[in-house]
């Protein structure tokens, strides 16, 4: 009977450990999805406001220089915005590459569990 009880307790402990780790995975996935959604909403709002400000600024500059240097002003503005878009593209790529790994905490905990359960 003692062996059966030990096996039952071992199985119960293993299932509890597995449940805890799966709950951790679920929490991390939920946090990551909420973080990404927040980033998306913030980025869209910022891009909308920036787009409106840029359009109004371009309109103002073109109206000011319409009689004298309209082609030069338009070419200069195109160059400035093209350069800004390249810089923003590099920034987004760099930010994406530096983000934390998905489920890093879960993988760390599973690694420590394996180390704990491995004899020797």
Protein backbone atom coordinates (compact mmCIF):
# COMPACT_ATOMS: atom_id res chain seq x y z
CA UNK A 1 0.00 0.00 0.00
CA UNK A 2 2.83 2.42 0.72
CA UNK A 3 4.18 2.09 -2.80
CA UNK A 4 0.75 2.76 -4.31
CA UNK A 5 0.31 5.83 -2.12
CA UNK A 6 3.77 7.10 -3.08
CA UNK A 7 3.03 6.64 -6.76
CA UNK A 8 -0.33 8.38 -6.34
CA UNK A 9 1.29 11.32 -4.53
CA UNK A 10 4.05 11.48 -7.15
CA UNK A 11 1.48 11.54 -9.94
CA UNK A 12 -0.56 14.20 -8.12
CA UNK A 13 2.54 16.34 -7.61
CA UNK A 14 3.52 15.93 -11.25
CA UNK A 15 0.04 16.93 -12.41
CA UNK A 16 0.05 19.93 -10.08
CA UNK A 17 3.44 20.97 -11.45
CA UNK A 18 2.20 20.54 -15.00
CA UNK A 19 -0.94 22.56 -14.23
CA UNK A 20 1.14 25.39 -12.73
CA UNK A 21 3.39 25.51 -15.77
CA UNK A 22 0.47 25.51 -18.18
CA UNK A 23 -1.15 28.34 -16.23
CA UNK A 24 2.14 30.25 -16.49
CA UNK A 25 2.16 29.70 -20.25
CA UNK A 26 -1.41 30.98 -20.51
CA UNK A 27 -0.63 34.07 -18.42
CA UNK A 28 2.46 34.88 -20.49
CA UNK A 29 0.57 34.48 -23.76
CA UNK A 30 -2.20 36.73 -22.48
CA UNK A 31 0.29 39.38 -21.32
CA UNK A 32 2.08 39.28 -24.67
CA UNK A 33 -1.14 39.64 -26.64
CA UNK A 34 -2.27 42.58 -24.47
CA UNK A 35 1.15 44.20 -24.84
CA UNK A 36 1.07 43.83 -28.62
CA UNK A 37 -2.49 45.18 -28.80
CA UNK A 38 -1.47 48.20 -26.69
CA UNK A 39 1.52 48.82 -28.95
CA UNK A 40 -0.72 48.59 -32.01
CA UNK A 41 -3.34 51.01 -30.72
CA UNK A 42 -0.72 53.50 -29.55
CA UNK A 43 1.18 53.30 -32.82
CA UNK A 44 -1.98 53.79 -34.88
CA UNK A 45 -3.07 56.80 -32.84
CA UNK A 46 0.40 58.34 -33.06
CA UNK A 47 0.60 57.73 -36.81
CA UNK A 48 -2.81 59.28 -37.36
CA UNK A 49 -1.94 62.43 -35.40
CA UNK A 50 1.47 62.67 -37.02
CA UNK A 51 -0.05 62.19 -40.46
CA UNK A 52 -2.51 65.03 -39.95
CA UNK A 53 0.24 67.31 -38.61
CA UNK A 54 2.52 66.47 -41.53
CA UNK A 55 -0.19 67.10 -44.11
CA UNK A 56 -1.07 70.46 -42.59
CA UNK A 57 2.61 71.41 -42.34
CA UNK A 58 3.22 70.48 -45.97
CA UNK A 59 0.20 72.46 -47.04
CA UNK A 60 1.41 75.49 -45.10
CA UNK A 61 4.93 75.32 -46.54
CA UNK A 62 3.68 74.86 -50.11
CA UNK A 63 1.26 77.78 -49.76
CA UNK A 64 4.02 80.02 -48.36
CA UNK A 65 6.44 79.23 -51.21
CA UNK A 66 3.92 78.75 -54.03
CA UNK A 67 4.97 81.80 -56.02
CA UNK A 68 8.75 81.44 -55.72
CA UNK A 69 10.15 77.93 -55.06
CA UNK A 70 7.30 75.44 -55.15
CA UNK A 71 9.24 72.65 -56.96
CA UNK A 72 12.29 72.96 -54.69
CA UNK A 73 10.14 72.95 -51.57
CA UNK A 74 8.20 69.88 -52.71
CA UNK A 75 11.38 67.97 -53.59
CA UNK A 76 12.94 68.91 -50.25
CA UNK A 77 9.88 67.75 -48.34
CA UNK A 78 9.82 64.47 -50.26
CA UNK A 79 13.48 63.89 -49.37
CA UNK A 80 12.93 64.71 -45.69
CA UNK A 81 9.97 62.34 -45.36
CA UNK A 82 11.71 59.56 -47.27
CA UNK A 83 14.70 59.85 -44.92
CA UNK A 84 12.40 59.87 -41.88
CA UNK A 85 10.59 56.76 -43.10
CA UNK A 86 13.89 54.91 -43.53
CA UNK A 87 14.99 55.88 -40.00
CA UNK A 88 11.64 54.79 -38.56
CA UNK A 89 11.87 51.50 -40.42
CA UNK A 90 15.30 50.80 -38.91
CA UNK A 91 14.01 51.75 -35.46
CA UNK A 92 11.03 49.36 -35.74
CA UNK A 93 13.29 46.52 -36.93
CA UNK A 94 15.75 47.15 -34.07
CA UNK A 95 12.96 47.30 -31.47
CA UNK A 96 11.46 44.07 -32.76
CA UNK A 97 14.81 42.28 -32.62
CA UNK A 98 15.41 43.42 -29.01
CA UNK A 99 12.03 42.34 -27.63
CA UNK A 100 12.03 39.61 -24.97
CA UNK A 101 11.56 36.03 -26.08
CA UNK A 102 8.04 34.67 -25.98
CA UNK A 103 7.43 32.56 -22.86
CA UNK A 104 10.97 33.14 -21.53
CA UNK A 105 9.83 32.76 -17.91
CA UNK A 106 8.01 29.52 -18.67
CA UNK A 107 11.06 28.06 -20.38
CA UNK A 108 13.26 29.10 -17.46
CA UNK A 109 10.91 27.46 -14.95
CA UNK A 110 10.69 24.29 -17.02
CA UNK A 111 14.49 24.18 -17.22
CA UNK A 112 14.80 24.51 -13.45
CA UNK A 113 12.14 21.80 -13.03
CA UNK A 114 14.13 19.46 -15.27
CA UNK A 115 17.31 20.25 -13.33
CA UNK A 116 15.54 19.57 -10.04
CA UNK A 117 13.98 16.29 -11.19
CA UNK A 118 17.10 14.98 -12.94
CA UNK A 119 19.10 12.75 -10.61
CA UNK A 120 22.81 13.38 -10.20
